[in-house]
Amino acid sequence: MKKILLLIFFISPFIYGQISTDRPDQTEASIVLEKNILQIESGFSFDEKNIINNLFRFGLSKSVEIRLNTNYIFMDSPDGKNIPNSQFGDIEIGAKIQIYRSIENLTTVAFLSHLSIPTASNYYTSDGYGTLNRILISHDLSKTLSLGYNLGYNKVYGSSGAFVYTLAIAKSIGYWGIYAELFGENSRKESPNSYDLGLTYLLKENIQFDISLGKGFNNKTDYFALGLSWNYNLTK
């Protein structure tokens, strides 16, 4: 833990991205998309399960955005079971609501909620409807340095819920960005805690590339991910 905190302190004077995205870190941004902005955030993560993730966000009003999240999962068949090699997981629909944004833009607060719908087949589904809820908070420590954190609770019907947390520090300079993050959850069954690091680069004013990796402190989390985010003003 001390090594990770020292690493966060060391890299914080460097860099972070230019488009407000909810990837590649686990900390969801506390800023709602502007009205009529469509944003697509896509990524591929390499882990025990390789996943293609697509998050579609749309600014519905000044303080509300609506969202659709999908995961296409590549899974090996454990123990000789006849599991389909790749398939879509359960879809998630939701909204992010701006609760507070200071005039000086130093602190922002939002609420995020998703409904998980059991649309996937066996092995790829959570077998029930679920809700994923978070309070999102961020502080601009300077024009280029920011601190963000999420606190939430996830619950799938028929199973125990889990409290979740994230904490990320990030900084931007030019077209580049970097962040470091701690994240985890706590439930009756387990309490996995992990960290990740990532780099972003603004390819164009509305297109951003990202790369990240994550490791678990007390669990088997070990992933590498690549992503691309794009936004467009539908009124243009």
Protein backbone atom coordinates (compact mmCIF):
# COMPACT_ATOMS: atom_id res chain seq x y z
CA MET A 1 0.00 0.00 0.00
CA LYS A 2 2.80 2.45 0.87
CA LYS A 3 4.44 1.80 -2.50
CA ILE A 4 1.21 2.60 -4.35
CA LEU A 5 0.68 5.84 -2.42
CA LEU A 6 4.26 6.87 -3.19
CA LEU A 7 3.66 6.07 -6.86
CA ILE A 8 0.54 8.25 -6.93
CA PHE A 9 2.47 11.10 -5.35
CA PHE A 10 5.32 10.69 -7.85
CA ILE A 11 3.26 10.72 -11.04
CA SER A 12 0.69 13.34 -10.02
CA PRO A 13 2.71 16.30 -11.36
CA PHE A 14 2.43 15.01 -14.93
CA ILE A 15 -0.65 14.49 -17.10
CA TYR A 16 -4.42 13.74 -17.73
CA GLY A 17 -6.89 13.67 -20.64
CA GLN A 18 -8.78 16.44 -22.41
CA ILE A 19 -12.18 14.86 -23.06
CA SER A 20 -14.27 14.17 -19.95
CA THR A 21 -14.76 10.39 -20.19
CA ASP A 22 -15.78 7.59 -17.86
CA ARG A 23 -12.88 5.44 -19.07
CA PRO A 24 -10.24 4.11 -18.74
CA ASP A 25 -10.28 4.41 -14.93
CA GLN A 26 -12.93 3.00 -12.59
CA THR A 27 -13.81 6.48 -11.28
CA GLU A 28 -16.80 7.85 -13.17
CA ALA A 29 -16.51 11.54 -14.05
CA SER A 30 -18.69 13.97 -12.06
CA ILE A 31 -19.38 16.10 -15.16
CA VAL A 32 -22.56 15.55 -17.19
CA LEU A 33 -22.33 15.80 -20.97
CA GLU A 34 -23.65 19.02 -22.48
CA LYS A 35 -27.06 18.94 -24.15
CA ASN A 36 -27.14 17.24 -27.59
CA ILE A 37 -23.63 15.81 -27.23
CA LEU A 38 -23.31 12.16 -28.20
CA GLN A 39 -20.25 10.39 -26.79
CA ILE A 40 -19.13 6.82 -27.48
CA GLU A 41 -16.44 5.28 -25.28
CA SER A 42 -15.09 1.94 -26.48
CA GLY A 43 -12.36 -0.32 -25.18
CA PHE A 44 -10.89 -3.80 -25.22
CA SER A 45 -9.60 -5.32 -21.97
CA PHE A 46 -7.40 -8.40 -21.72
CA ASP A 47 -8.05 -10.44 -18.56
CA GLU A 48 -9.40 -13.86 -17.61
CA LYS A 49 -12.37 -12.72 -19.65
CA ASN A 50 -11.49 -10.59 -22.68
CA ILE A 51 -14.16 -7.89 -23.05
CA ILE A 52 -15.13 -5.35 -25.69
CA ASN A 53 -16.94 -2.56 -23.86
CA ASN A 54 -19.07 0.16 -25.47
CA LEU A 55 -20.59 2.98 -23.44
CA PHE A 56 -23.03 5.28 -25.26
CA ARG A 57 -23.73 8.63 -23.55
CA PHE A 58 -26.09 11.41 -24.64
CA GLY A 59 -26.63 14.83 -23.10
CA LEU A 60 -30.38 15.08 -22.62
CA SER A 61 -30.41 18.44 -20.83
CA LYS A 62 -28.10 20.80 -18.96
CA SER A 63 -27.98 18.49 -15.94
CA VAL A 64 -28.96 15.02 -17.22
CA GLU A 65 -27.34 12.51 -19.55
CA ILE A 66 -28.71 9.08 -20.51
CA ARG A 67 -26.53 6.02 -21.00
CA LEU A 68 -26.37 2.55 -22.52
CA ASN A 69 -23.54 0.17 -21.58
CA THR A 70 -22.75 -3.12 -23.37
CA ASN A 71 -20.05 -5.77 -22.97
CA TYR A 72 -19.13 -8.39 -25.56
CA ILE A 73 -17.36 -11.14 -23.62
CA PHE A 74 -14.89 -13.77 -24.78
CA MET A 75 -14.83 -16.63 -22.27
CA ASP A 76 -12.97 -19.95 -22.24
CA SER A 77 -14.87 -23.08 -21.25
CA PRO A 78 -13.72 -24.09 -17.74
CA ASP A 79 -13.76 -27.75 -16.65
CA GLY A 80 -14.77 -28.90 -20.12
CA LYS A 81 -18.15 -27.16 -19.96
CA ASN A 82 -19.73 -26.31 -23.30
CA ILE A 83 -19.76 -22.51 -22.93
CA PRO A 84 -20.18 -20.32 -26.03
CA ASN A 85 -16.82 -18.72 -26.83
CA SER A 86 -18.15 -15.16 -27.13
CA GLN A 87 -21.43 -13.42 -26.38
CA PHE A 88 -22.97 -10.17 -25.16
CA GLY A 89 -23.40 -9.82 -21.41
CA ASP A 90 -26.34 -8.14 -19.66
CA ILE A 91 -27.06 -4.62 -20.89
CA GLU A 92 -27.15 -1.63 -18.58
CA ILE A 93 -29.26 1.49 -19.07
CA GLY A 94 -28.98 4.51 -16.84
CA ALA A 95 -28.56 8.21 -16.27
CA LYS A 96 -26.10 10.65 -14.73
CA ILE A 97 -27.53 13.70 -12.94
CA GLN A 98 -25.58 16.82 -12.06
CA ILE A 99 -26.22 17.70 -8.41
CA TYR A 100 -23.73 20.49 -7.80
CA ARG A 101 -21.18 22.48 -9.77
CA SER A 102 -19.45 25.47 -8.23
CA ILE A 103 -19.14 28.79 -10.07
CA GLU A 104 -15.37 28.54 -9.77
CA ASN A 105 -15.59 24.95 -11.08
CA LEU A 106 -13.54 23.71 -8.14
CA THR A 107 -15.95 21.01 -6.98
CA THR A 108 -18.55 19.00 -8.90
CA VAL A 109 -21.00 16.39 -7.65
CA ALA A 110 -23.22 14.04 -9.64
CA PHE A 111 -25.36 10.94 -9.12
CA LEU A 112 -25.08 7.93 -11.43
CA SER A 113 -27.47 5.00 -11.60
CA HIS A 114 -27.72 2.04 -13.96
CA LEU A 115 -30.31 -0.71 -14.25
CA SER A 116 -28.74 -4.05 -15.23
CA ILE A 117 -31.15 -6.13 -17.32
CA PRO A 118 -30.57 -9.92 -17.52
CA THR A 119 -30.55 -10.11 -21.34
CA ALA A 120 -27.62 -12.52 -21.65
CA SER A 121 -27.72 -16.31 -21.78
CA ASN A 122 -26.33 -18.74 -19.22
CA TYR A 123 -22.76 -18.12 -17.93
CA TYR A 124 -22.86 -14.53 -19.24
CA THR A 125 -25.69 -13.20 -17.09
CA SER A 126 -26.06 -12.16 -13.44
CA ASP A 127 -29.41 -14.04 -13.45
CA GLY A 128 -31.39 -11.08 -12.16
CA TYR A 129 -32.17 -7.40 -12.41
CA GLY A 130 -29.71 -5.20 -10.61
CA THR A 131 -28.96 -1.57 -9.80
CA LEU A 132 -25.57 0.11 -9.79
CA ASN A 133 -25.55 3.44 -7.95
CA ARG A 134 -22.79 5.97 -7.20
CA ILE A 135 -22.19 9.44 -5.89
CA LEU A 136 -19.47 11.05 -8.02
CA ILE A 137 -17.29 13.84 -6.60
CA SER A 138 -14.29 15.66 -8.01
CA HIS A 139 -12.12 18.60 -6.95
CA ASP A 140 -9.98 20.72 -9.27
CA LEU A 141 -6.85 21.23 -7.21
CA SER A 142 -5.41 23.43 -9.98
CA LYS A 143 -6.10 24.10 -13.66
CA THR A 144 -4.46 20.80 -14.56
CA LEU A 145 -4.55 18.67 -11.40
CA SER A 146 -7.72 16.98 -10.16
CA LEU A 147 -8.87 14.51 -7.51
CA GLY A 148 -11.95 12.34 -8.06
CA TYR A 149 -13.72 9.70 -6.01
CA ASN A 150 -16.88 7.59 -6.13
CA LEU A 151 -18.91 5.94 -3.38
CA GLY A 152 -21.68 3.54 -4.30
CA TYR A 153 -23.74 0.43 -3.77
CA ASN A 154 -24.46 -2.34 -6.30
CA LYS A 155 -27.26 -4.82 -5.82
CA VAL A 156 -28.45 -7.72 -7.97
CA TYR A 157 -31.88 -9.10 -7.03
CA GLY A 158 -31.51 -12.42 -5.20
CA SER A 159 -27.91 -11.90 -4.08
CA SER A 160 -26.08 -9.78 -1.51
CA GLY A 161 -25.11 -6.23 -2.40
CA ALA A 162 -21.68 -4.63 -2.40
CA PHE A 163 -20.38 -1.21 -1.39
CA VAL A 164 -17.92 0.19 -3.94
CA TYR A 165 -15.30 2.91 -3.78
CA THR A 166 -12.78 4.55 -6.11
CA LEU A 167 -10.12 7.23 -5.63
CA ALA A 168 -8.13 8.71 -8.52
CA ILE A 169 -5.63 11.52 -8.92
CA ALA A 170 -4.87 12.92 -12.36
CA LYS A 171 -3.22 15.78 -14.19
CA SER A 172 -3.18 17.10 -17.75
CA ILE A 173 -0.53 18.81 -19.81
CA GLY A 174 -1.00 19.49 -23.52
CA TYR A 175 -2.53 16.54 -25.33
CA TRP A 176 -1.36 13.98 -22.78
CA GLY A 177 -2.73 12.65 -19.54
CA ILE A 178 -1.96 10.17 -16.79
CA TYR A 179 -3.77 8.96 -13.67
CA ALA A 180 -3.35 6.57 -10.72
CA GLU A 181 -6.24 5.01 -8.86
CA LEU A 182 -7.31 2.79 -5.99
CA PHE A 183 -10.65 0.95 -6.17
CA GLY A 184 -12.51 -1.90 -4.55
CA GLU A 185 -15.70 -3.19 -3.01
CA ASN A 186 -16.98 -4.73 0.18
CA SER A 187 -19.65 -7.42 0.46
CA ARG A 188 -20.52 -10.34 2.72
CA LYS A 189 -18.57 -12.75 0.51
CA GLU A 190 -15.41 -10.81 -0.33
CA SER A 191 -13.66 -7.46 -0.27
CA PRO A 192 -11.33 -7.18 -3.28
CA ASN A 193 -9.08 -4.11 -3.46
CA SER A 194 -7.06 -3.13 -6.54
CA TYR A 195 -5.20 -0.33 -8.28
CA ASP A 196 -4.73 0.81 -11.85
CA LEU A 197 -2.65 3.27 -13.88
CA GLY A 198 -3.41 4.80 -17.26
CA LEU A 199 -2.33 7.12 -20.04
CA THR A 200 -4.49 9.16 -22.45
CA TYR A 201 -3.73 11.09 -25.62
CA LEU A 202 -5.98 13.55 -27.46
CA LEU A 203 -5.78 12.56 -31.14
CA LYS A 204 -8.21 15.31 -32.23
CA GLU A 205 -10.37 17.78 -30.32
CA ASN A 206 -13.13 15.15 -30.10
CA ILE A 207 -11.19 11.84 -30.22
CA GLN A 208 -9.15 10.46 -27.33
CA PHE A 209 -7.02 7.30 -27.07
CA ASP A 210 -6.32 5.54 -23.77
CA ILE A 211 -4.22 2.70 -22.40
CA SER A 212 -4.36 1.28 -18.87
CA LEU A 213 -3.47 -1.66 -16.65
CA GLY A 214 -4.77 -2.88 -13.31
CA LYS A 215 -3.62 -5.23 -10.56
CA GLY A 216 -5.24 -6.66 -7.45
CA PHE A 217 -3.88 -6.35 -3.91
CA ASN A 218 -5.83 -9.30 -2.51
CA ASN A 219 -7.44 -10.76 -5.63
CA LYS A 220 -6.60 -12.03 -9.13
CA THR A 221 -7.36 -8.78 -10.98
CA ASP A 222 -4.73 -8.43 -13.71
CA TYR A 223 -5.83 -6.59 -16.85
CA PHE A 224 -4.51 -4.52 -19.72
CA ALA A 225 -6.85 -2.31 -21.75
CA LEU A 226 -6.89 -0.12 -24.85
CA GLY A 227 -9.66 2.33 -25.71
CA LEU A 228 -10.94 5.12 -27.92
CA SER A 229 -13.54 7.77 -27.05
CA TRP A 230 -15.34 10.02 -29.52
CA ASN A 231 -17.92 12.78 -29.08
CA TYR A 232 -20.07 14.75 -31.51
CA ASN A 233 -22.45 17.70 -31.25
CA LEU A 234 -25.67 16.56 -32.93
CA THR A 235 -26.80 20.15 -33.52
CA LYS A 236 -23.90 20.87 -35.91
